[in-house]
Amino acid sequence: MDLKQEQATKQLYDLTHAAELGSTFEQFATDPVAELQRIGQYDAMQMIRAGYRPLLPGQVRLRQQLEARWAAEGHSVIRRGDASACVASRMTIAA
């Protein structure tokens, strides 16, 4: 990973509150898409592209609780958000 890619990855890591959600920078840098999925920020890139900031950690945890409850009640939980295209290109994110 070159310096520009590392800076963009670090910016995304910080913006998504990945450390507060249980990710290390090393894990995140290895596979940002998988880490965004794992920590519950699967739609972060869509939010950023739309001009919004990703969810705060409390919002992520609440969403995870609601999704778990919905699934337990037999509802389909559809997670919409494809971070792979933006993360793969290592876009620079304007915060």
Protein backbone atom coordinates (compact mmCIF):
# COMPACT_ATOMS: atom_id res chain seq x y z
CA MET A 1 0.00 0.00 0.00
CA ASP A 2 1.49 3.32 -1.01
CA LEU A 3 1.35 6.44 1.16
CA LYS A 4 -1.71 7.92 -0.59
CA GLN A 5 -3.66 4.67 -0.20
CA GLU A 6 -2.64 4.40 3.45
CA GLN A 7 -3.78 7.97 4.14
CA ALA A 8 -7.15 7.37 2.46
CA THR A 9 -7.59 4.13 4.39
CA LYS A 10 -6.70 5.86 7.67
CA GLN A 11 -9.16 8.64 6.89
CA LEU A 12 -11.93 6.10 6.26
CA TYR A 13 -10.93 4.17 9.40
CA ASP A 14 -11.25 7.33 11.51
CA LEU A 15 -14.43 8.57 9.84
CA THR A 16 -16.25 5.27 10.42
CA HIS A 17 -15.21 5.08 14.10
CA ALA A 18 -13.76 1.67 13.35
CA ALA A 19 -11.52 1.63 16.45
CA GLU A 20 -14.51 2.31 18.72
CA LEU A 21 -16.39 -0.50 17.00
CA GLY A 22 -13.65 -3.07 17.63
CA SER A 23 -11.37 -2.91 14.60
CA THR A 24 -7.65 -2.32 14.56
CA PHE A 25 -6.10 -0.32 11.76
CA GLU A 26 -4.16 -3.40 10.68
CA GLN A 27 -7.39 -5.42 10.31
CA PHE A 28 -9.06 -2.54 8.52
CA ALA A 29 -6.16 -1.93 6.13
CA THR A 30 -5.99 -5.63 5.22
CA ASP A 31 -9.63 -5.79 4.06
CA PRO A 32 -11.61 -2.55 4.51
CA VAL A 33 -14.79 -3.94 2.93
CA ALA A 34 -14.90 -6.96 5.24
CA GLU A 35 -14.18 -4.78 8.27
CA LEU A 36 -16.92 -2.30 7.38
CA GLN A 37 -19.31 -5.24 7.12
CA ARG A 38 -18.10 -6.81 10.35
CA ILE A 39 -18.34 -3.64 12.45
CA GLY A 40 -21.77 -2.70 11.12
CA GLN A 41 -20.73 0.20 8.90
CA TYR A 42 -21.69 -1.61 5.69
CA ASP A 43 -23.36 1.48 4.22
CA ALA A 44 -20.73 4.01 5.26
CA MET A 45 -19.50 4.65 1.71
CA GLN A 46 -23.03 5.30 0.46
CA MET A 47 -23.54 7.79 3.26
CA ILE A 48 -20.26 9.54 2.47
CA ARG A 49 -21.08 9.73 -1.25
CA ALA A 50 -24.47 11.24 -0.36
CA GLY A 51 -22.74 13.96 1.66
CA TYR A 52 -23.39 12.53 5.12
CA ARG A 53 -21.12 11.18 7.79
CA PRO A 54 -21.23 7.47 8.66
CA LEU A 55 -23.19 6.37 11.72
CA LEU A 56 -21.81 7.02 15.18
CA PRO A 57 -20.94 3.94 17.27
CA GLY A 58 -24.14 4.21 19.32
CA GLN A 59 -26.20 4.35 16.15
CA VAL A 60 -24.40 1.29 14.77
CA ARG A 61 -25.07 -0.66 17.96
CA LEU A 62 -28.74 0.33 17.96
CA ARG A 63 -29.09 -0.73 14.32
CA GLN A 64 -27.45 -4.07 15.12
CA GLN A 65 -29.88 -4.63 18.01
CA LEU A 66 -32.87 -3.75 15.83
CA GLU A 67 -31.67 -5.98 12.99
CA ALA A 68 -31.18 -8.88 15.43
CA ARG A 69 -34.68 -8.34 16.86
CA TRP A 70 -36.24 -8.18 13.40
CA ALA A 71 -34.44 -11.35 12.35
CA ALA A 72 -35.55 -13.11 15.56
CA GLU A 73 -39.14 -12.17 14.70
CA GLY A 74 -38.74 -13.86 11.33
CA HIS A 75 -38.31 -10.78 9.18
CA SER A 76 -35.73 -10.59 6.42
CA VAL A 77 -32.97 -8.14 7.21
CA ILE A 78 -31.53 -6.68 4.05
CA ARG A 79 -28.31 -4.79 4.45
CA ARG A 80 -27.90 -2.35 1.62
CA GLY A 81 -24.54 -0.84 1.14
CA ASP A 82 -21.71 -1.70 -1.15
CA ALA A 83 -18.49 -0.28 0.13
CA SER A 84 -16.37 -2.42 -2.17
CA ALA A 85 -16.38 -0.15 -5.22
CA CYS A 86 -15.28 2.96 -3.33
CA VAL A 87 -12.90 1.26 -0.96
CA ALA A 88 -11.28 -0.71 -3.75
CA SER A 89 -10.47 2.51 -5.58
CA ARG A 90 -9.20 4.07 -2.32
CA MET A 91 -11.14 7.28 -2.87
CA THR A 92 -10.06 10.32 -0.95
CA ILE A 93 -12.87 11.21 1.41
CA ALA A 94 -13.67 14.82 2.11
CA ALA A 95 -14.84 15.04 5.70
